[in-house]
Amino acid sequence: MYHLDLYRLDDPEELETLGFASYFEGDGVAVVEWAERGEAPGVDPVWPRAWLRIALSRVSADERLLRCTVAGARGEALLRVLAGGGAAEAEAE
């Protein structure tokens, strides 16, 4: 598992210089915090074709809501694993 935090990223184009896309190769899982900082109009996204995105929202002082969206077979498989209803092995696209 790779943990990547984009909180201090100033410009999405920096991701290419940092070799960010290489973390999505292979069988590992990359967890990206503040992923929206890596997105901008006119900048090609570095995200892989298959992904699982989890957005956290505060419901109350002690409750959080997780909203999950997926793309591709691997994203769907990761969501099943997260939900406890699937095998830990997910096919890569």
Protein backbone atom coordinates (compact mmCIF):
# COMPACT_ATOMS: atom_id res chain seq x y z
CA MET A 1 0.00 0.00 0.00
CA TYR A 2 1.24 3.46 -0.92
CA HIS A 3 0.00 6.45 1.04
CA LEU A 4 0.19 9.72 -0.89
CA ASP A 5 -0.90 13.03 0.60
CA LEU A 6 -1.40 15.87 -1.88
CA TYR A 7 -2.30 18.49 0.73
CA ARG A 8 0.80 20.59 0.03
CA LEU A 9 0.63 20.23 -3.76
CA ASP A 10 0.54 23.66 -5.41
CA ASP A 11 0.07 22.65 -9.05
CA PRO A 12 -1.36 19.37 -10.47
CA GLU A 13 1.34 19.39 -13.14
CA GLU A 14 3.89 18.69 -10.37
CA LEU A 15 2.60 15.10 -10.20
CA GLU A 16 4.33 14.17 -13.44
CA THR A 17 7.66 15.52 -12.17
CA LEU A 18 7.25 13.54 -8.94
CA GLY A 19 6.68 10.27 -10.82
CA PHE A 20 3.23 9.98 -9.31
CA ALA A 21 1.81 7.66 -12.00
CA SER A 22 4.36 4.94 -11.16
CA TYR A 23 2.54 4.28 -7.86
CA PHE A 24 -0.45 2.98 -9.81
CA GLU A 25 1.52 0.29 -11.63
CA GLY A 26 1.62 -3.27 -10.35
CA ASP A 27 -0.59 -4.97 -7.80
CA GLY A 28 -0.35 -2.51 -4.92
CA VAL A 29 -3.00 -0.10 -3.73
CA ALA A 30 -2.35 3.65 -3.63
CA VAL A 31 -4.30 5.67 -1.07
CA VAL A 32 -4.38 9.34 -2.05
CA GLU A 33 -5.49 12.01 0.39
CA TRP A 34 -6.55 15.39 -0.97
CA ALA A 35 -6.79 13.82 -4.44
CA GLU A 36 -8.73 16.82 -5.76
CA ARG A 37 -5.48 18.84 -5.57
CA GLY A 38 -4.17 16.62 -8.35
CA GLU A 39 -7.01 17.57 -10.69
CA ALA A 40 -7.42 20.72 -12.74
CA PRO A 41 -9.12 21.75 -15.99
CA GLY A 42 -6.75 21.37 -18.92
CA VAL A 43 -4.39 19.03 -17.05
CA ASP A 44 -4.42 15.37 -18.04
CA PRO A 45 -5.38 13.25 -15.02
CA VAL A 46 -2.79 10.83 -13.65
CA TRP A 47 -5.35 8.47 -12.15
CA PRO A 48 -5.50 4.93 -13.49
CA ARG A 49 -8.50 3.74 -15.51
CA ALA A 50 -9.78 1.70 -12.57
CA TRP A 51 -10.15 3.27 -9.14
CA LEU A 52 -12.14 3.44 -5.91
CA ARG A 53 -12.79 6.94 -4.56
CA ILE A 54 -13.97 7.43 -0.98
CA ALA A 55 -15.24 10.86 0.04
CA LEU A 56 -15.68 11.51 3.76
CA SER A 57 -18.27 13.93 5.10
CA ARG A 58 -18.88 14.95 8.67
CA VAL A 59 -22.38 14.05 9.83
CA SER A 60 -21.92 14.96 13.48
CA ALA A 61 -19.13 15.25 16.05
CA ASP A 62 -18.72 11.48 16.15
CA GLU A 63 -20.17 10.33 12.80
CA ARG A 64 -18.76 10.34 9.27
CA LEU A 65 -20.42 9.39 6.00
CA LEU A 66 -18.38 7.55 3.36
CA ARG A 67 -19.47 7.94 -0.27
CA CYS A 68 -17.81 5.47 -2.59
CA THR A 69 -17.58 5.69 -6.36
CA VAL A 70 -15.73 3.30 -8.62
CA ALA A 71 -14.44 2.89 -12.13
CA GLY A 72 -13.37 -0.36 -13.71
CA ALA A 73 -13.26 -3.96 -12.54
CA ARG A 74 -10.44 -3.39 -10.04
CA GLY A 75 -12.32 -0.47 -8.48
CA GLU A 76 -15.42 -2.62 -8.08
CA ALA A 77 -13.37 -5.45 -6.57
CA LEU A 78 -11.74 -3.07 -4.08
CA LEU A 79 -15.16 -1.77 -3.06
CA ARG A 80 -16.36 -5.34 -2.42
CA VAL A 81 -13.32 -5.96 -0.24
CA LEU A 82 -13.93 -2.71 1.66
CA ALA A 83 -17.55 -3.70 2.21
CA GLY A 84 -16.49 -7.14 3.41
CA GLY A 85 -18.26 -8.96 0.61
CA GLY A 86 -15.51 -10.03 -1.77
CA ALA A 87 -12.16 -11.65 -2.21
CA ALA A 88 -9.02 -9.67 -1.46
CA GLU A 89 -7.73 -10.37 -4.96
CA ALA A 90 -8.85 -7.83 -7.54
CA GLU A 91 -8.15 -8.17 -11.25
CA ALA A 92 -6.06 -5.39 -12.73
CA GLU A 93 -7.18 -3.85 -16.00
